[in-house]
């Protein structure tokens, strides 16, 4: 096997193994067709973690006060977008345990949760950074604990979807799938944000 072909195969195999370690998805192959199945409960947990992170940070009175009403409103808009994306996904999934990510409707719904979750993380991060010198170290530590847990969830979600893309494109470059947080880190982040997992 030529070196370039072998490297491409190994990269594809590594992506497959890294992604298979994530509990939120599985892959089945029939010939050259790979079907990506995603655990609905895991996606719901990720979305709920984002909503809980917003509530946690804004429930710290000193943080909310220092951030100010305009920024709280911006964070609220991101939170509402996440809530809407999560509700749309949950309503469509109903009692379904898994969905096929290859389906464009499901892909759109899942991607919209990730997009909204990423926006929530970005807005919270900017707000907390902006008030870091104006609040007590205890309040700042509590806010950062929630933000760090959310960052872990966002990283896990991105790695999940990156691994899906990598597996779909055999020989594609392995990127963040290899750097995904461990399952233990994800579970701890979910617990920190009040999502039982």
Protein backbone atom coordinates (compact mmCIF):
# COMPACT_ATOMS: atom_id res chain seq x y z
CA UNK A 1 0.00 0.00 0.00
CA UNK A 2 1.54 3.39 -0.94
CA UNK A 3 2.43 5.62 2.04
CA UNK A 4 -0.08 8.37 1.17
CA UNK A 5 -2.92 5.86 0.87
CA UNK A 6 -1.88 4.13 4.08
CA UNK A 7 -1.75 7.45 5.98
CA UNK A 8 -5.21 8.34 4.71
CA UNK A 9 -6.51 4.96 5.81
CA UNK A 10 -4.92 5.31 9.25
CA UNK A 11 -6.32 8.81 9.71
CA UNK A 12 -9.78 7.55 8.79
CA UNK A 13 -9.39 4.58 11.14
CA UNK A 14 -8.21 6.82 13.99
CA UNK A 15 -11.20 9.09 13.53
CA UNK A 16 -13.50 6.09 13.55
CA UNK A 17 -12.01 4.76 16.80
CA UNK A 18 -11.95 8.17 18.50
CA UNK A 19 -15.56 8.84 17.60
CA UNK A 20 -16.74 5.38 18.55
CA UNK A 21 -15.48 6.13 22.06
CA UNK A 22 -18.06 8.89 22.37
CA UNK A 23 -21.30 7.51 23.77
CA UNK A 24 -23.43 9.95 21.86
CA UNK A 25 -23.02 8.29 18.49
CA UNK A 26 -22.39 5.05 16.67
CA UNK A 27 -21.60 4.13 13.10
CA UNK A 28 -22.78 1.18 11.09
CA UNK A 29 -21.44 0.41 7.64
CA UNK A 30 -23.02 -1.44 4.78
CA UNK A 31 -20.55 -1.58 1.94
CA UNK A 32 -19.31 1.96 1.37
CA UNK A 33 -22.31 3.56 3.10
CA UNK A 34 -21.86 4.64 6.72
CA UNK A 35 -24.92 5.44 8.82
CA UNK A 36 -24.31 7.77 11.75
CA UNK A 37 -26.66 7.28 14.70
CA UNK A 38 -26.75 9.85 17.49
CA UNK A 39 -28.13 9.36 21.00
CA UNK A 40 -31.03 11.79 21.48
CA UNK A 41 -30.66 11.94 25.28
CA UNK A 42 -27.02 13.01 24.98
CA UNK A 43 -27.91 15.88 22.64
CA UNK A 44 -30.71 16.96 24.98
CA UNK A 45 -28.29 16.88 27.91
CA UNK A 46 -25.81 19.06 26.03
CA UNK A 47 -28.51 21.62 25.24
CA UNK A 48 -29.85 21.58 28.79
CA UNK A 49 -26.32 22.12 30.11
CA UNK A 50 -26.15 25.35 28.12
CA UNK A 51 -29.45 26.58 29.51
CA UNK A 52 -28.35 25.69 33.04
CA UNK A 53 -25.01 27.46 32.58
CA UNK A 54 -26.82 30.67 31.69
CA UNK A 55 -29.12 30.35 34.70
CA UNK A 56 -26.20 29.60 37.00
CA UNK A 57 -24.09 32.55 35.90
CA UNK A 58 -26.97 35.03 35.88
CA UNK A 59 -28.15 33.81 39.30
CA UNK A 60 -24.94 35.17 40.80
CA UNK A 61 -26.28 38.60 41.72
CA UNK A 62 -22.91 40.37 41.67
CA UNK A 63 -22.12 38.97 38.23
CA UNK A 64 -25.52 39.85 36.77
CA UNK A 65 -25.32 43.35 38.23
CA UNK A 66 -21.79 43.97 36.99
CA UNK A 67 -22.62 42.64 33.54
CA UNK A 68 -25.48 45.11 33.25
CA UNK A 69 -28.91 44.92 31.67
CA UNK A 70 -27.84 45.30 28.01
CA UNK A 71 -25.40 42.38 28.22
CA UNK A 72 -27.83 40.29 30.25
CA UNK A 73 -30.32 40.90 27.44
CA UNK A 74 -27.81 39.73 24.82
CA UNK A 75 -27.12 36.58 26.84
CA UNK A 76 -30.88 36.13 27.19
CA UNK A 77 -31.30 36.20 23.41
CA UNK A 78 -28.65 33.50 22.99
CA UNK A 79 -30.31 31.48 25.75
CA UNK A 80 -33.70 31.82 24.05
CA UNK A 81 -32.22 30.69 20.72
CA UNK A 82 -30.75 27.64 22.44
CA UNK A 83 -34.04 26.88 24.18
CA UNK A 84 -35.90 27.14 20.87
CA UNK A 85 -33.40 24.89 19.08
CA UNK A 86 -33.57 22.35 21.89
CA UNK A 87 -37.38 22.41 21.96
CA UNK A 88 -37.57 21.98 18.18
CA UNK A 89 -35.19 19.04 18.37
CA UNK A 90 -36.98 17.45 21.35
CA UNK A 91 -40.43 17.89 19.81
CA UNK A 92 -39.27 16.26 16.60
CA UNK A 93 -37.49 13.43 18.45
CA UNK A 94 -40.35 12.71 20.82
CA UNK A 95 -39.62 9.43 22.57
CA UNK A 96 -37.08 8.40 19.92
CA UNK A 97 -33.86 7.08 21.43
CA UNK A 98 -31.59 7.69 18.44
CA UNK A 99 -31.62 9.69 15.24
CA UNK A 100 -29.73 9.28 11.98
CA UNK A 101 -27.46 12.31 11.64
CA UNK A 102 -27.12 11.63 7.89
CA UNK A 103 -30.72 12.82 7.43
CA UNK A 104 -30.60 16.52 6.49
CA UNK A 105 -33.54 17.44 8.75
CA UNK A 106 -31.90 15.89 11.81
CA UNK A 107 -28.51 17.31 10.86
CA UNK A 108 -30.02 20.79 10.70
CA UNK A 109 -31.69 20.39 14.10
CA UNK A 110 -28.55 19.06 15.79
CA UNK A 111 -26.34 21.69 14.16
CA UNK A 112 -28.69 24.46 15.33
CA UNK A 113 -28.33 23.28 18.94
CA UNK A 114 -24.53 23.33 18.63
CA UNK A 115 -24.61 26.78 17.03
CA UNK A 116 -26.83 28.19 19.78
CA UNK A 117 -24.80 26.45 22.50
CA UNK A 118 -21.60 27.94 21.11
CA UNK A 119 -23.18 31.41 21.09
CA UNK A 120 -24.26 31.02 24.73
CA UNK A 121 -20.71 30.01 25.67
CA UNK A 122 -19.22 32.93 23.74
CA UNK A 123 -21.59 35.50 25.26
CA UNK A 124 -21.10 34.21 28.80
CA UNK A 125 -17.33 34.14 28.35
CA UNK A 126 -17.23 37.72 27.08
CA UNK A 127 -19.47 38.90 29.91
CA UNK A 128 -17.49 37.15 32.65
CA UNK A 129 -14.18 38.38 31.24
CA UNK A 130 -15.58 41.91 31.09
CA UNK A 131 -16.47 41.97 34.78
CA UNK A 132 -13.59 39.91 36.14
CA UNK A 133 -12.06 42.90 37.97
CA UNK A 134 -15.41 44.17 39.30
CA UNK A 135 -16.65 41.17 41.29
CA UNK A 136 -15.37 39.13 44.22
CA UNK A 137 -13.03 36.25 43.56
CA UNK A 138 -15.65 33.85 44.96
CA UNK A 139 -18.36 35.05 42.57
CA UNK A 140 -15.90 35.02 39.68
CA UNK A 141 -14.77 31.47 40.56
CA UNK A 142 -18.39 30.26 40.66
CA UNK A 143 -19.15 31.84 37.30
CA UNK A 144 -15.96 30.41 35.78
CA UNK A 145 -16.78 26.95 37.13
CA UNK A 146 -20.06 27.03 35.19
CA UNK A 147 -18.35 28.48 32.12
CA UNK A 148 -15.57 25.86 32.17
CA UNK A 149 -18.14 23.08 32.46
CA UNK A 150 -20.00 24.56 29.49
CA UNK A 151 -16.76 24.78 27.51
CA UNK A 152 -16.24 21.05 28.13
CA UNK A 153 -19.74 20.31 26.83
CA UNK A 154 -19.24 22.47 23.74
CA UNK A 155 -15.89 20.76 23.05
CA UNK A 156 -17.50 17.33 23.39
CA UNK A 157 -20.37 18.32 21.09
CA UNK A 158 -17.99 19.77 18.47
CA UNK A 159 -15.77 16.68 18.66
CA UNK A 160 -18.82 14.47 18.21
CA UNK A 161 -19.95 16.26 15.06
CA UNK A 162 -16.37 16.61 13.79
CA UNK A 163 -15.94 12.86 14.17
CA UNK A 164 -19.16 12.31 12.24
CA UNK A 165 -17.84 14.46 9.39
CA UNK A 166 -14.45 12.77 9.50
CA UNK A 167 -16.01 9.33 9.34
CA UNK A 168 -18.20 10.35 6.45
CA UNK A 169 -15.19 11.63 4.49
CA UNK A 170 -12.76 8.70 4.55
CA UNK A 171 -9.22 9.99 4.54
CA UNK A 172 -10.23 13.41 5.85
CA UNK A 173 -7.88 15.05 8.29
CA UNK A 174 -8.46 14.10 11.93
CA UNK A 175 -8.88 17.30 13.89
CA UNK A 176 -10.66 17.94 17.18
CA UNK A 177 -12.05 14.40 17.39
CA UNK A 178 -8.69 13.31 18.84
CA UNK A 179 -8.80 16.11 21.44
CA UNK A 180 -12.31 15.40 22.67
CA UNK A 181 -12.84 15.60 26.42
CA UNK A 182 -12.98 12.23 28.10
CA UNK A 183 -16.35 10.74 28.96
CA UNK A 184 -15.50 11.28 32.66
CA UNK A 185 -14.87 14.99 32.00
CA UNK A 186 -18.15 15.31 30.12
CA UNK A 187 -20.07 13.57 32.89
CA UNK A 188 -18.47 15.83 35.51
CA UNK A 189 -19.33 18.93 33.44
CA UNK A 190 -22.95 17.77 33.15
CA UNK A 191 -23.13 17.21 36.91
CA UNK A 192 -21.61 20.65 37.54
CA UNK A 193 -24.36 22.18 35.40
CA UNK A 194 -27.11 20.20 37.12
CA UNK A 195 -27.78 17.77 34.29
CA UNK A 196 -27.98 14.23 35.60
CA UNK A 197 -26.17 11.89 33.29
